[in-house]
């Protein structure tokens, strides 16, 4: 066990979930960008992502592969159904 471990009960009294996981607001984002010397997230991303992996092509992700390309162990996507409790 780590000597500096913080008990869960103490962590639960910390920053609310939404503030930890939704991301920074506009003011916090502007402060962060100023600290690293960029005017926008696009500028920061352009500087941070290596040219070798940049692409001008739009990225698309199909909802699912054709069944012929699926593994025999593949679980099919559930079909959309309307809830009967409405």
Foldseek 3Di string as FASTA:
>chain_A
DDPPDDDPVVVVPDDDPCVVPVDDDPVVQCVVCVVVPHDDVVVVVVVPDDPVPDDPDDDDDDPDDPPVPDDPPDDDDDDDDDDPVD
